[in-house]
Amino acid sequence: NVYCPNDREEAERHEYRRCFFELLRHCVARLRGGHRHVFIVGDFNVTPEPIDHCDYAREAERLGVYGEQVTLHLALTDGTDSASGPIANPSELTVDQARLLTTFYDPQEKPMRAWFARWLRRDAITDCFRHFHPTAIARYTCWNTLVNARASNHGTRIDTVLYAGADAAVVLGCDQMNGYAGSDHCPVFVDFDIAGLPQGTARSRQSKLTSFFSSAAVTSN
């Protein structure tokens, strides 16, 4: 269960967020190394795809920019994709699609968007909501209540459930309670096959990310 640092314009904040997400990535990799079913839930404070942001969603829908186009864009901008190695055929994206994706994943303005989207793909992590709703737009989880943005659904999808494990079939569904009021965020829930999960003892207290590493390991990395 995580709360990731929110976004600000300062360059120092970008580096702080990157370090936090890198630590989260290492933590998840260590947990799943024991063949566990790992669920990462919370407020990630990052919008993974254009259809997850009110300023881009309608245009993305019009242009047909969904997960496949995001994967291609990310591969073209760093030369590889995680599954099949080098790929590149820029003609598979239209000029308008490429322009939208380049703006959304601007490495100077919003560097963690591309980092987060690449992490999910490279480490085979399932965004549970997107897995079951790959083209759903305007399904946001956070709104600025100071300007009553929820009334017009002017929001972002920054809260989700991620699955990192050996068998995504244990995840039976995922959705949002968009009509549930009382906060600037709405609840997100996941259904999973408890019979397919190993039995264990739940911890009574939440752990910090750093508790998964020895001080020597943190220093060396």
C-alpha atoms as a PDB file:
ATOM      1  CA  ASN A   1       0.000   0.000   0.000  1.00  0.00           C
ATOM      2  CA  VAL A   2       1.758   3.140  -1.189  1.00  0.00           C
ATOM      3  CA  TYR A   3       1.381   6.873  -1.474  1.00  0.00           C
ATOM      4  CA  CYS A   4       3.800   8.124  -4.102  1.00  0.00           C
ATOM      5  CA  PRO A   5       5.169  11.685  -4.133  1.00  0.00           C
ATOM      6  CA  ASN A   6       3.055  14.123  -6.085  1.00  0.00           C
ATOM      7  CA  ASP A   7       4.181  16.152  -9.054  1.00  0.00           C
ATOM      8  CA  ARG A   8       5.729  19.610  -8.955  1.00  0.00           C
ATOM      9  CA  GLU A   9       7.591  21.728 -11.466  1.00  0.00           C
ATOM     10  CA  GLU A  10      10.937  21.871  -9.659  1.00  0.00           C
ATOM     11  CA  ALA A  11      13.725  19.745 -11.181  1.00  0.00           C
ATOM     12  CA  GLU A  12      14.704  18.572  -7.706  1.00  0.00           C
ATOM     13  CA  ARG A  13      11.215  17.164  -7.249  1.00  0.00           C
ATOM     14  CA  HIS A  14      11.550  15.121 -10.439  1.00  0.00           C
ATOM     15  CA  GLU A  15      14.705  13.510  -9.098  1.00  0.00           C
ATOM     16  CA  TYR A  16      13.096  12.862  -5.715  1.00  0.00           C
ATOM     17  CA  ARG A  17      10.139  11.141  -7.395  1.00  0.00           C
ATOM     18  CA  ARG A  18      12.418   9.101  -9.635  1.00  0.00           C
ATOM     19  CA  CYS A  19      14.372   7.828  -6.623  1.00  0.00           C
ATOM     20  CA  PHE A  20      11.141   6.917  -4.837  1.00  0.00           C
ATOM     21  CA  PHE A  21       9.808   4.983  -7.821  1.00  0.00           C
ATOM     22  CA  GLU A  22      13.141   3.227  -8.329  1.00  0.00           C
ATOM     23  CA  LEU A  23      13.033   2.106  -4.711  1.00  0.00           C
ATOM     24  CA  LEU A  24       9.479   0.907  -5.208  1.00  0.00           C
ATOM     25  CA  ARG A  25      10.549  -1.024  -8.309  1.00  0.00           C
ATOM     26  CA  HIS A  26      13.339  -2.780  -6.395  1.00  0.00           C
ATOM     27  CA  CYS A  27      10.983  -3.526  -3.521  1.00  0.00           C
ATOM     28  CA  VAL A  28       8.437  -5.139  -5.845  1.00  0.00           C
ATOM     29  CA  ALA A  29      11.143  -7.127  -7.643  1.00  0.00           C
ATOM     30  CA  ARG A  30      12.401  -8.479  -4.334  1.00  0.00           C
ATOM     31  CA  LEU A  31       8.929  -9.445  -3.164  1.00  0.00           C
ATOM     32  CA  ARG A  32       7.999 -11.237  -6.348  1.00  0.00           C
ATOM     33  CA  GLY A  33      11.332 -13.045  -6.357  1.00  0.00           C
ATOM     34  CA  GLY A  34       9.845 -15.510  -3.903  1.00  0.00           C
ATOM     35  CA  HIS A  35       7.116 -16.499  -6.373  1.00  0.00           C
ATOM     36  CA  ARG A  36       4.602 -14.449  -4.437  1.00  0.00           C
ATOM     37  CA  HIS A  37       1.416 -12.860  -5.666  1.00  0.00           C
ATOM     38  CA  VAL A  38       2.215  -9.179  -5.130  1.00  0.00           C
ATOM     39  CA  PHE A  39      -0.464  -6.487  -5.205  1.00  0.00           C
ATOM     40  CA  ILE A  40       0.637  -2.842  -5.114  1.00  0.00           C
ATOM     41  CA  VAL A  41      -2.248  -0.530  -4.289  1.00  0.00           C
ATOM     42  CA  GLY A  42      -2.598   3.141  -3.634  1.00  0.00           C
ATOM     43  CA  ASP A  43      -2.212   6.647  -4.992  1.00  0.00           C
ATOM     44  CA  PHE A  44       0.652   6.602  -7.502  1.00  0.00           C
ATOM     45  CA  ASN A  45       0.294  10.291  -8.408  1.00  0.00           C
ATOM     46  CA  VAL A  46       1.054   9.555 -12.050  1.00  0.00           C
ATOM     47  CA  THR A  47      -1.216   9.058 -15.059  1.00  0.00           C
ATOM     48  CA  PRO A  48       0.034   6.058 -17.051  1.00  0.00           C
ATOM     49  CA  GLU A  49      -1.663   6.781 -20.414  1.00  0.00           C
ATOM     50  CA  PRO A  50      -3.315   9.705 -22.228  1.00  0.00           C
ATOM     51  CA  ILE A  51      -6.780   8.191 -21.764  1.00  0.00           C
ATOM     52  CA  ASP A  52      -6.193   8.505 -18.009  1.00  0.00           C
ATOM     53  CA  HIS A  53      -6.046  12.311 -18.075  1.00  0.00           C
ATOM     54  CA  CYS A  54      -8.944  14.679 -18.721  1.00  0.00           C
ATOM     55  CA  ASP A  55      -6.820  16.998 -20.861  1.00  0.00           C
ATOM     56  CA  TYR A  56      -5.933  14.195 -23.290  1.00  0.00           C
ATOM     57  CA  ALA A  57      -8.589  11.492 -23.047  1.00  0.00           C
ATOM     58  CA  ARG A  58     -11.063  12.680 -25.680  1.00  0.00           C
ATOM     59  CA  GLU A  59      -8.334  13.382 -28.197  1.00  0.00           C
ATOM     60  CA  ALA A  60      -6.757  10.013 -27.480  1.00  0.00           C
ATOM     61  CA  GLU A  61     -10.099   8.335 -28.069  1.00  0.00           C
ATOM     62  CA  ARG A  62     -10.591  10.221 -31.338  1.00  0.00           C
ATOM     63  CA  LEU A  63      -7.111   9.254 -32.565  1.00  0.00           C
ATOM     64  CA  GLY A  64      -7.250   5.694 -31.280  1.00  0.00           C
ATOM     65  CA  VAL A  65      -4.414   6.045 -28.779  1.00  0.00           C
ATOM     66  CA  TYR A  66      -4.641   3.170 -26.315  1.00  0.00           C
ATOM     67  CA  GLY A  67      -2.238   0.717 -24.722  1.00  0.00           C
ATOM     68  CA  GLU A  68      -0.852  -0.686 -27.967  1.00  0.00           C
ATOM     69  CA  GLN A  69       0.010   2.775 -29.268  1.00  0.00           C
ATOM     70  CA  VAL A  70       1.596   3.706 -25.943  1.00  0.00           C
ATOM     71  CA  THR A  71       3.762   0.576 -26.062  1.00  0.00           C
ATOM     72  CA  LEU A  72       4.888   1.402 -29.580  1.00  0.00           C
ATOM     73  CA  HIS A  73       5.696   5.000 -28.686  1.00  0.00           C
ATOM     74  CA  LEU A  74       7.739   3.946 -25.667  1.00  0.00           C
ATOM     75  CA  ALA A  75       9.612   1.408 -27.772  1.00  0.00           C
ATOM     76  CA  LEU A  76      10.362   3.971 -30.459  1.00  0.00           C
ATOM     77  CA  THR A  77      11.655   6.489 -27.955  1.00  0.00           C
ATOM     78  CA  ASP A  78      14.082   4.125 -26.259  1.00  0.00           C
ATOM     79  CA  GLY A  79      14.677   1.574 -29.027  1.00  0.00           C
ATOM     80  CA  THR A  80      13.241  -1.549 -27.440  1.00  0.00           C
ATOM     81  CA  ASP A  81      10.216  -3.060 -25.863  1.00  0.00           C
ATOM     82  CA  SER A  82      10.442  -5.532 -23.032  1.00  0.00           C
ATOM     83  CA  ALA A  83       8.848  -8.451 -24.795  1.00  0.00           C
ATOM     84  CA  SER A  84      10.439  -8.673 -28.211  1.00  0.00           C
ATOM     85  CA  GLY A  85      13.583  -6.596 -28.200  1.00  0.00           C
ATOM     86  CA  PRO A  86      14.243  -3.905 -30.816  1.00  0.00           C
ATOM     87  CA  ILE A  87      11.240  -2.805 -32.777  1.00  0.00           C
ATOM     88  CA  ALA A  88      10.680   0.281 -34.802  1.00  0.00           C
ATOM     89  CA  ASN A  89       8.311   1.244 -37.489  1.00  0.00           C
ATOM     90  CA  PRO A  90       7.306   4.844 -36.942  1.00  0.00           C
ATOM     91  CA  SER A  91       4.717   4.529 -39.695  1.00  0.00           C
ATOM     92  CA  GLU A  92       2.634   2.371 -37.341  1.00  0.00           C
ATOM     93  CA  LEU A  93       1.760   5.589 -35.531  1.00  0.00           C
ATOM     94  CA  THR A  94       0.029   8.400 -37.349  1.00  0.00           C
ATOM     95  CA  VAL A  95       1.507  11.880 -37.158  1.00  0.00           C
ATOM     96  CA  ASP A  96      -1.290  12.999 -34.845  1.00  0.00           C
ATOM     97  CA  GLN A  97      -0.920   9.961 -32.595  1.00  0.00           C
ATOM     98  CA  ALA A  98       2.829  10.526 -32.319  1.00  0.00           C
ATOM     99  CA  ARG A  99       2.319  14.216 -31.557  1.00  0.00           C
ATOM    100  CA  LEU A 100      -0.161  13.484 -28.779  1.00  0.00           C
ATOM    101  CA  LEU A 101       2.063  10.824 -27.216  1.00  0.00           C
ATOM    102  CA  THR A 102       5.172  13.015 -27.443  1.00  0.00           C
ATOM    103  CA  THR A 103       3.346  15.834 -25.678  1.00  0.00           C
ATOM    104  CA  PHE A 104       1.871  13.593 -22.995  1.00  0.00           C
ATOM    105  CA  TYR A 105       5.173  11.855 -22.246  1.00  0.00           C
ATOM    106  CA  ASP A 106       7.278  15.031 -22.365  1.00  0.00           C
ATOM    107  CA  PRO A 107      10.561  14.011 -20.670  1.00  0.00           C
ATOM    108  CA  GLN A 108      11.159  17.523 -19.367  1.00  0.00           C
ATOM    109  CA  GLU A 109       7.698  18.333 -18.045  1.00  0.00           C
ATOM    110  CA  LYS A 110       6.393  14.894 -16.994  1.00  0.00           C
ATOM    111  CA  PRO A 111       9.317  12.448 -16.876  1.00  0.00           C
ATOM    112  CA  MET A 112       7.661   9.953 -14.524  1.00  0.00           C
ATOM    113  CA  ARG A 113       4.784   9.210 -16.867  1.00  0.00           C
ATOM    114  CA  ALA A 114       7.032   7.388 -19.327  1.00  0.00           C
ATOM    115  CA  TRP A 115       9.060   5.839 -16.504  1.00  0.00           C
ATOM    116  CA  PHE A 116       5.916   4.418 -14.912  1.00  0.00           C
ATOM    117  CA  ALA A 117       4.471   3.125 -18.197  1.00  0.00           C
ATOM    118  CA  ARG A 118       7.801   1.480 -19.084  1.00  0.00           C
ATOM    119  CA  TRP A 119       8.070  -0.110 -15.644  1.00  0.00           C
ATOM    120  CA  LEU A 120       4.718  -1.817 -16.049  1.00  0.00           C
ATOM    121  CA  ARG A 121       5.713  -3.194 -19.449  1.00  0.00           C
ATOM    122  CA  ARG A 122       9.318  -4.165 -18.741  1.00  0.00           C
ATOM    123  CA  ASP A 123       8.571  -5.879 -15.454  1.00  0.00           C
ATOM    124  CA  ALA A 124       5.324  -7.482 -16.680  1.00  0.00           C
ATOM    125  CA  ILE A 125       3.194  -5.717 -14.069  1.00  0.00           C
ATOM    126  CA  THR A 126      -0.536  -5.668 -14.664  1.00  0.00           C
ATOM    127  CA  ASP A 127      -2.505  -2.466 -14.220  1.00  0.00           C
ATOM    128  CA  CYS A 128      -5.633  -4.295 -13.101  1.00  0.00           C
ATOM    129  CA  PHE A 129      -8.129  -1.622 -14.094  1.00  0.00           C
ATOM    130  CA  ARG A 130      -6.656  -1.227 -17.574  1.00  0.00           C
ATOM    131  CA  HIS A 131      -6.452  -5.008 -17.971  1.00  0.00           C
ATOM    132  CA  PHE A 132     -10.223  -5.270 -17.674  1.00  0.00           C
ATOM    133  CA  HIS A 133     -11.081  -1.870 -19.205  1.00  0.00           C
ATOM    134  CA  PRO A 134      -8.431  -1.293 -21.905  1.00  0.00           C
ATOM    135  CA  THR A 135     -10.255   1.478 -23.785  1.00  0.00           C
ATOM    136  CA  ALA A 136     -12.435   3.046 -21.077  1.00  0.00           C
ATOM    137  CA  ILE A 137     -12.063   6.809 -20.949  1.00  0.00           C
ATOM    138  CA  ALA A 138     -13.192   9.417 -18.439  1.00  0.00           C
ATOM    139  CA  ARG A 139     -12.822   6.856 -15.658  1.00  0.00           C
ATOM    140  CA  TYR A 140     -10.921   9.003 -13.235  1.00  0.00           C
ATOM    141  CA  THR A 141     -10.113   8.535  -9.562  1.00  0.00           C
ATOM    142  CA  CYS A 142      -9.022  12.018  -8.465  1.00  0.00           C
ATOM    143  CA  TRP A 143     -10.487  15.492  -8.928  1.00  0.00           C
ATOM    144  CA  ASN A 144      -9.676  18.980  -7.682  1.00  0.00           C
ATOM    145  CA  THR A 145     -12.537  19.543  -5.267  1.00  0.00           C
ATOM    146  CA  LEU A 146     -11.474  23.165  -4.640  1.00  0.00           C
ATOM    147  CA  VAL A 147     -12.906  24.060  -8.057  1.00  0.00           C
ATOM    148  CA  ASN A 148     -15.678  21.436  -7.997  1.00  0.00           C
ATOM    149  CA  ALA A 149     -13.949  19.533 -10.808  1.00  0.00           C
ATOM    150  CA  ARG A 150     -15.695  16.320  -9.895  1.00  0.00           C
ATOM    151  CA  ALA A 151     -19.033  17.686 -11.062  1.00  0.00           C
ATOM    152  CA  SER A 152     -17.694  17.989 -14.611  1.00  0.00           C
ATOM    153  CA  ASN A 153     -15.487  14.887 -14.264  1.00  0.00           C
ATOM    154  CA  HIS A 154     -12.347  16.909 -14.942  1.00  0.00           C
ATOM    155  CA  GLY A 155      -9.902  14.525 -13.317  1.00  0.00           C
ATOM    156  CA  THR A 156      -7.133  11.964 -13.622  1.00  0.00           C
ATOM    157  CA  ARG A 157      -6.696   8.257 -12.982  1.00  0.00           C
ATOM    158  CA  ILE A 158      -3.828   8.076 -10.524  1.00  0.00           C
ATOM    159  CA  ASP A 159      -5.144   5.449  -8.086  1.00  0.00           C
ATOM    160  CA  THR A 160      -5.053   1.815  -9.112  1.00  0.00           C
ATOM    161  CA  VAL A 161      -4.169  -1.745  -8.186  1.00  0.00           C
ATOM    162  CA  LEU A 162      -1.091  -3.302  -9.756  1.00  0.00           C
ATOM    163  CA  TYR A 163      -0.430  -7.028  -9.853  1.00  0.00           C
ATOM    164  CA  ALA A 164       3.075  -8.435 -10.028  1.00  0.00           C
ATOM    165  CA  GLY A 165       3.144 -12.198  -9.821  1.00  0.00           C
ATOM    166  CA  ALA A 166       3.307 -15.485 -11.605  1.00  0.00           C
ATOM    167  CA  ASP A 167      -0.349 -15.908 -12.476  1.00  0.00           C
ATOM    168  CA  ALA A 168      -2.517 -12.915 -13.349  1.00  0.00           C
ATOM    169  CA  ALA A 169      -5.474 -15.304 -13.634  1.00  0.00           C
ATOM    170  CA  VAL A 170      -5.965 -14.899  -9.871  1.00  0.00           C
ATOM    171  CA  VAL A 171      -7.226 -11.387 -10.640  1.00  0.00           C
ATOM    172  CA  LEU A 172     -10.893 -11.750 -11.543  1.00  0.00           C
ATOM    173  CA  GLY A 173     -11.823  -8.110 -11.975  1.00  0.00           C
ATOM    174  CA  CYS A 174     -11.091  -4.515 -11.093  1.00  0.00           C
ATOM    175  CA  ASP A 175     -13.226  -1.401 -11.132  1.00  0.00           C
ATOM    176  CA  GLN A 176     -13.799   1.996  -9.573  1.00  0.00           C
ATOM    177  CA  MET A 177     -16.569   3.381  -7.401  1.00  0.00           C
ATOM    178  CA  ASN A 178     -16.741   6.662  -9.295  1.00  0.00           C
ATOM    179  CA  GLY A 179     -20.018   7.707  -7.702  1.00  0.00           C
ATOM    180  CA  TYR A 180     -18.733   7.286  -4.156  1.00  0.00           C
ATOM    181  CA  ALA A 181     -18.435  10.793  -2.715  1.00  0.00           C
ATOM    182  CA  GLY A 182     -16.726  12.188   0.363  1.00  0.00           C
ATOM    183  CA  SER A 183     -13.163  12.676  -0.883  1.00  0.00           C
ATOM    184  CA  ASP A 184     -11.175  14.099  -3.778  1.00  0.00           C
ATOM    185  CA  HIS A 185     -10.426  10.453  -4.639  1.00  0.00           C
ATOM    186  CA  CYS A 186     -12.781   7.552  -5.274  1.00  0.00           C
ATOM    187  CA  PRO A 187     -12.254   3.942  -4.159  1.00  0.00           C
ATOM    188  CA  VAL A 188     -10.770   1.340  -6.478  1.00  0.00           C
ATOM    189  CA  PHE A 189     -11.433  -2.334  -5.843  1.00  0.00           C
ATOM    190  CA  VAL A 190     -10.115  -5.622  -7.146  1.00  0.00           C
ATOM    191  CA  ASP A 191     -11.643  -9.102  -7.073  1.00  0.00           C
ATOM    192  CA  PHE A 192      -9.268 -12.019  -6.888  1.00  0.00           C
ATOM    193  CA  ASP A 193      -9.472 -15.767  -6.539  1.00  0.00           C
ATOM    194  CA  ILE A 194      -8.495 -16.321  -2.936  1.00  0.00           C
ATOM    195  CA  ALA A 195      -8.340 -20.068  -3.513  1.00  0.00           C
ATOM    196  CA  GLY A 196      -5.478 -19.470  -5.911  1.00  0.00           C
ATOM    197  CA  LEU A 197      -3.455 -17.528  -3.360  1.00  0.00           C
ATOM    198  CA  PRO A 198      -1.179 -19.093  -0.751  1.00  0.00           C
ATOM    199  CA  GLN A 199      -2.309 -18.779   2.826  1.00  0.00           C
ATOM    200  CA  GLY A 200      -0.197 -16.553   5.032  1.00  0.00           C
ATOM    201  CA  THR A 201      -0.239 -14.302   8.047  1.00  0.00           C
ATOM    202  CA  ALA A 202      -1.251 -10.696   7.511  1.00  0.00           C
ATOM    203  CA  ARG A 203       0.936  -8.055   9.089  1.00  0.00           C
ATOM    204  CA  SER A 204      -0.733  -5.851  11.649  1.00  0.00           C
ATOM    205  CA  ARG A 205       1.296  -2.786  10.671  1.00  0.00           C
ATOM    206  CA  GLN A 206       2.280  -1.260   7.365  1.00  0.00           C
ATOM    207  CA  SER A 207       5.957  -1.414   6.480  1.00  0.00           C
ATOM    208  CA  LYS A 208       8.111   1.286   4.968  1.00  0.00           C
ATOM    209  CA  LEU A 209       9.831   0.578   1.663  1.00  0.00           C
ATOM    210  CA  THR A 210      13.223   0.821   3.318  1.00  0.00           C
ATOM    211  CA  SER A 211      12.374  -2.064   5.648  1.00  0.00           C
ATOM    212  CA  PHE A 212      12.813  -4.449   2.720  1.00  0.00           C
ATOM    213  CA  PHE A 213      16.487  -3.587   2.429  1.00  0.00           C
ATOM    214  CA  SER A 214      19.449  -3.665   4.746  1.00  0.00           C
ATOM    215  CA  SER A 215      21.200  -0.343   5.265  1.00  0.00           C
ATOM    216  CA  ALA A 216      24.186  -1.707   3.352  1.00  0.00           C
ATOM    217  CA  ALA A 217      22.032  -2.612   0.365  1.00  0.00           C
ATOM    218  CA  VAL A 218      20.469   0.834   0.268  1.00  0.00           C
ATOM    219  CA  THR A 219      23.868   2.500   0.462  1.00  0.00           C
ATOM    220  CA  SER A 220      25.342   0.351  -2.305  1.00  0.00           C
ATOM    221  CA  ASN A 221      22.518   1.155  -4.702  1.00  0.00           C
END
